[in-house]
Amino acid sequence: MAEKVAKLGVEREKDFMYYVKDGGVWKVQRKQPGVPKGRQEKVADGGFEMDTNYIYFVDRDGDVARAKRAVGGQKRKKKVRASKKKRSPPRKATKSAKPKSKAKAKGKAGKKKAGKAKGKKKRGKR
């Protein structure tokens, strides 16, 4: 639940976003395509100190209200392991004995598998 902190009665305009900063109410023009970023403007001074344990916002009536901040987010279900067996250590990468020659690499790359190419779809006429 939210509790009112300051009764200001700010009249809202449709194209502006309102927010609370440093105990005052500020407004800034909403972002719109092709319009440059707007300048923020102080609308009203609330005359109160802000507590970091709450979030502050402008409510429907144009007054400043606050609500308790959610700490830690939503709780998740714990994963249950079926058995507690030891994991094997990660394997080390092995080096190949001798590098492949370019001729062999070209020969293998030149061959193509028969069948449909992956990732491409045939489209009919529209």
C-alpha atoms as a PDB file:
ATOM      1  CA  MET A   1       0.000   0.000   0.000  1.00  0.00           C
ATOM      2  CA  ALA A   2       1.108   3.533  -0.700  1.00  0.00           C
ATOM      3  CA  GLU A   3       0.990   6.417   1.719  1.00  0.00           C
ATOM      4  CA  LYS A   4       0.765  10.096   0.768  1.00  0.00           C
ATOM      5  CA  VAL A   5       3.799  12.175   1.643  1.00  0.00           C
ATOM      6  CA  ALA A   6       2.901  15.615   0.263  1.00  0.00           C
ATOM      7  CA  LYS A   7      -0.366  17.015  -1.090  1.00  0.00           C
ATOM      8  CA  LEU A   8       0.609  19.115  -4.093  1.00  0.00           C
ATOM      9  CA  GLY A   9      -2.287  18.701  -6.561  1.00  0.00           C
ATOM     10  CA  VAL A  10      -0.064  18.807  -9.646  1.00  0.00           C
ATOM     11  CA  GLU A  11      -2.039  19.182 -12.888  1.00  0.00           C
ATOM     12  CA  ARG A  12      -0.738  16.643 -15.391  1.00  0.00           C
ATOM     13  CA  GLU A  13      -0.266  17.222 -19.107  1.00  0.00           C
ATOM     14  CA  LYS A  14      -0.672  14.322 -21.517  1.00  0.00           C
ATOM     15  CA  ASP A  15       2.698  14.602 -23.319  1.00  0.00           C
ATOM     16  CA  PHE A  16       4.817  14.789 -20.156  1.00  0.00           C
ATOM     17  CA  MET A  17       6.223  12.197 -17.745  1.00  0.00           C
ATOM     18  CA  TYR A  18       6.287  13.141 -14.054  1.00  0.00           C
ATOM     19  CA  TYR A  19       8.751  11.874 -11.455  1.00  0.00           C
ATOM     20  CA  VAL A  20      10.002  12.669  -7.943  1.00  0.00           C
ATOM     21  CA  LYS A  21      13.632  13.694  -7.368  1.00  0.00           C
ATOM     22  CA  ASP A  22      15.265  15.375  -4.345  1.00  0.00           C
ATOM     23  CA  GLY A  23      11.917  16.072  -2.664  1.00  0.00           C
ATOM     24  CA  GLY A  24      10.387  17.812  -5.671  1.00  0.00           C
ATOM     25  CA  VAL A  25       8.199  16.902  -8.643  1.00  0.00           C
ATOM     26  CA  TRP A  26       9.780  17.173 -12.094  1.00  0.00           C
ATOM     27  CA  LYS A  27       8.391  16.752 -15.588  1.00  0.00           C
ATOM     28  CA  VAL A  28      10.016  15.895 -18.911  1.00  0.00           C
ATOM     29  CA  GLN A  29       8.528  15.545 -22.374  1.00  0.00           C
ATOM     30  CA  ARG A  30       7.849  11.946 -23.414  1.00  0.00           C
ATOM     31  CA  LYS A  31      10.083  10.447 -26.092  1.00  0.00           C
ATOM     32  CA  GLN A  32       8.551  10.519 -29.550  1.00  0.00           C
ATOM     33  CA  PRO A  33      10.040   9.470 -32.884  1.00  0.00           C
ATOM     34  CA  GLY A  34      11.671  12.329 -34.740  1.00  0.00           C
ATOM     35  CA  VAL A  35      11.456  14.722 -31.769  1.00  0.00           C
ATOM     36  CA  PRO A  36      14.618  15.746 -29.895  1.00  0.00           C
ATOM     37  CA  LYS A  37      14.991  14.914 -26.184  1.00  0.00           C
ATOM     38  CA  GLY A  38      13.120  17.343 -23.952  1.00  0.00           C
ATOM     39  CA  ARG A  39      14.474  19.353 -21.012  1.00  0.00           C
ATOM     40  CA  GLN A  40      13.404  18.513 -17.487  1.00  0.00           C
ATOM     41  CA  GLU A  41      11.530  21.174 -15.568  1.00  0.00           C
ATOM     42  CA  LYS A  42      10.716  21.430 -11.860  1.00  0.00           C
ATOM     43  CA  VAL A  43       6.949  21.608 -11.332  1.00  0.00           C
ATOM     44  CA  ALA A  44       6.589  21.736  -7.532  1.00  0.00           C
ATOM     45  CA  ASP A  45       8.738  21.529  -4.399  1.00  0.00           C
ATOM     46  CA  GLY A  46       7.449  18.898  -1.980  1.00  0.00           C
ATOM     47  CA  GLY A  47       9.571  19.955   0.997  1.00  0.00           C
ATOM     48  CA  PHE A  48      10.263  16.429   2.260  1.00  0.00           C
ATOM     49  CA  GLU A  49      13.302  14.160   2.548  1.00  0.00           C
ATOM     50  CA  MET A  50      13.406  10.943   0.589  1.00  0.00           C
ATOM     51  CA  ASP A  51      14.156   7.589   2.249  1.00  0.00           C
ATOM     52  CA  THR A  52      16.019   4.938   0.225  1.00  0.00           C
ATOM     53  CA  ASN A  53      13.741   2.170   1.571  1.00  0.00           C
ATOM     54  CA  TYR A  54      10.760   3.605  -0.363  1.00  0.00           C
ATOM     55  CA  ILE A  55       9.937   4.439  -3.983  1.00  0.00           C
ATOM     56  CA  TYR A  56       8.301   7.822  -4.571  1.00  0.00           C
ATOM     57  CA  PHE A  57       5.809   8.623  -7.353  1.00  0.00           C
ATOM     58  CA  VAL A  58       3.103  11.091  -8.367  1.00  0.00           C
ATOM     59  CA  ASP A  59      -0.320   9.504  -7.815  1.00  0.00           C
ATOM     60  CA  ARG A  60      -3.672  10.076  -9.593  1.00  0.00           C
ATOM     61  CA  ASP A  61      -4.492  13.159  -7.559  1.00  0.00           C
ATOM     62  CA  GLY A  62      -1.155  14.813  -8.412  1.00  0.00           C
ATOM     63  CA  ASP A  63       0.182  14.245  -4.884  1.00  0.00           C
ATOM     64  CA  VAL A  64       3.463  12.583  -3.928  1.00  0.00           C
ATOM     65  CA  ALA A  65       3.083   9.077  -2.516  1.00  0.00           C
ATOM     66  CA  ARG A  66       5.527   6.389  -1.466  1.00  0.00           C
ATOM     67  CA  ALA A  67       5.522   2.589  -1.279  1.00  0.00           C
ATOM     68  CA  LYS A  68       7.878   0.156   0.440  1.00  0.00           C
ATOM     69  CA  ARG A  69      10.662  -0.976  -1.880  1.00  0.00           C
ATOM     70  CA  ALA A  70      10.772  -4.701  -2.751  1.00  0.00           C
ATOM     71  CA  VAL A  71      14.115  -6.074  -1.593  1.00  0.00           C
ATOM     72  CA  GLY A  72      15.728  -9.015  -3.352  1.00  0.00           C
ATOM     73  CA  GLY A  73      13.066  -9.526  -5.992  1.00  0.00           C
ATOM     74  CA  GLN A  74      10.787 -12.513  -6.295  1.00  0.00           C
ATOM     75  CA  LYS A  75      11.652 -15.741  -4.483  1.00  0.00           C
ATOM     76  CA  ARG A  76      12.468 -18.713  -6.703  1.00  0.00           C
ATOM     77  CA  LYS A  77      11.877 -22.410  -6.130  1.00  0.00           C
ATOM     78  CA  LYS A  78      14.978 -24.312  -5.058  1.00  0.00           C
ATOM     79  CA  LYS A  79      16.209 -27.023  -7.414  1.00  0.00           C
ATOM     80  CA  VAL A  80      16.346 -30.462  -5.802  1.00  0.00           C
ATOM     81  CA  ARG A  81      19.112 -32.843  -6.872  1.00  0.00           C
ATOM     82  CA  ALA A  82      18.155 -36.501  -7.241  1.00  0.00           C
ATOM     83  CA  SER A  83      21.542 -37.806  -6.105  1.00  0.00           C
ATOM     84  CA  LYS A  84      24.650 -36.192  -4.748  1.00  0.00           C
ATOM     85  CA  LYS A  85      27.403 -37.819  -6.751  1.00  0.00           C
ATOM     86  CA  LYS A  86      30.842 -36.363  -7.306  1.00  0.00           C
ATOM     87  CA  ARG A  87      31.454 -34.633 -10.577  1.00  0.00           C
ATOM     88  CA  SER A  88      34.389 -35.759 -12.668  1.00  0.00           C
ATOM     89  CA  PRO A  89      37.097 -33.134 -13.192  1.00  0.00           C
ATOM     90  CA  PRO A  90      37.005 -31.307 -16.544  1.00  0.00           C
ATOM     91  CA  ARG A  91      39.029 -32.874 -19.343  1.00  0.00           C
ATOM     92  CA  LYS A  92      42.088 -31.133 -20.697  1.00  0.00           C
ATOM     93  CA  ALA A  93      42.158 -30.136 -24.340  1.00  0.00           C
ATOM     94  CA  THR A  94      44.358 -32.387 -26.473  1.00  0.00           C
ATOM     95  CA  LYS A  95      46.550 -31.092 -29.267  1.00  0.00           C
ATOM     96  CA  SER A  96      46.458 -32.789 -32.671  1.00  0.00           C
ATOM     97  CA  ALA A  97      49.685 -34.601 -33.569  1.00  0.00           C
ATOM     98  CA  LYS A  98      50.235 -32.981 -36.959  1.00  0.00           C
ATOM     99  CA  PRO A  99      48.441 -30.161 -38.753  1.00  0.00           C
ATOM    100  CA  LYS A 100      46.273 -30.992 -41.785  1.00  0.00           C
ATOM    101  CA  SER A 101      47.581 -29.952 -45.163  1.00  0.00           C
ATOM    102  CA  LYS A 102      45.710 -27.432 -47.293  1.00  0.00           C
ATOM    103  CA  ALA A 103      45.102 -29.927 -50.089  1.00  0.00           C
ATOM    104  CA  LYS A 104      43.209 -32.301 -47.797  1.00  0.00           C
ATOM    105  CA  ALA A 105      41.204 -29.443 -46.304  1.00  0.00           C
ATOM    106  CA  LYS A 106      40.156 -28.249 -49.788  1.00  0.00           C
ATOM    107  CA  GLY A 107      39.171 -31.730 -50.853  1.00  0.00           C
ATOM    108  CA  LYS A 108      36.849 -32.160 -47.900  1.00  0.00           C
ATOM    109  CA  ALA A 109      35.394 -28.659 -48.181  1.00  0.00           C
ATOM    110  CA  GLY A 110      34.702 -29.110 -51.907  1.00  0.00           C
ATOM    111  CA  LYS A 111      32.360 -32.046 -51.333  1.00  0.00           C
ATOM    112  CA  LYS A 112      28.763 -31.262 -50.496  1.00  0.00           C
ATOM    113  CA  LYS A 113      26.180 -33.493 -48.973  1.00  0.00           C
ATOM    114  CA  ALA A 114      23.135 -34.269 -51.040  1.00  0.00           C
ATOM    115  CA  GLY A 115      19.896 -32.916 -49.680  1.00  0.00           C
ATOM    116  CA  LYS A 116      18.198 -29.735 -48.648  1.00  0.00           C
ATOM    117  CA  ALA A 117      20.290 -26.787 -47.438  1.00  0.00           C
ATOM    118  CA  LYS A 118      19.624 -25.941 -43.808  1.00  0.00           C
ATOM    119  CA  GLY A 119      18.215 -22.569 -42.831  1.00  0.00           C
ATOM    120  CA  LYS A 120      16.877 -21.591 -46.251  1.00  0.00           C
ATOM    121  CA  LYS A 121      13.232 -21.852 -47.164  1.00  0.00           C
ATOM    122  CA  LYS A 122      11.751 -21.827 -50.630  1.00  0.00           C
ATOM    123  CA  ARG A 123       9.182 -19.137 -51.147  1.00  0.00           C
ATOM    124  CA  GLY A 124       6.519 -19.183 -53.791  1.00  0.00           C
ATOM    125  CA  LYS A 125       5.327 -16.216 -55.832  1.00  0.00           C
ATOM    126  CA  ARG A 126       3.225 -13.778 -53.864  1.00  0.00           C
END
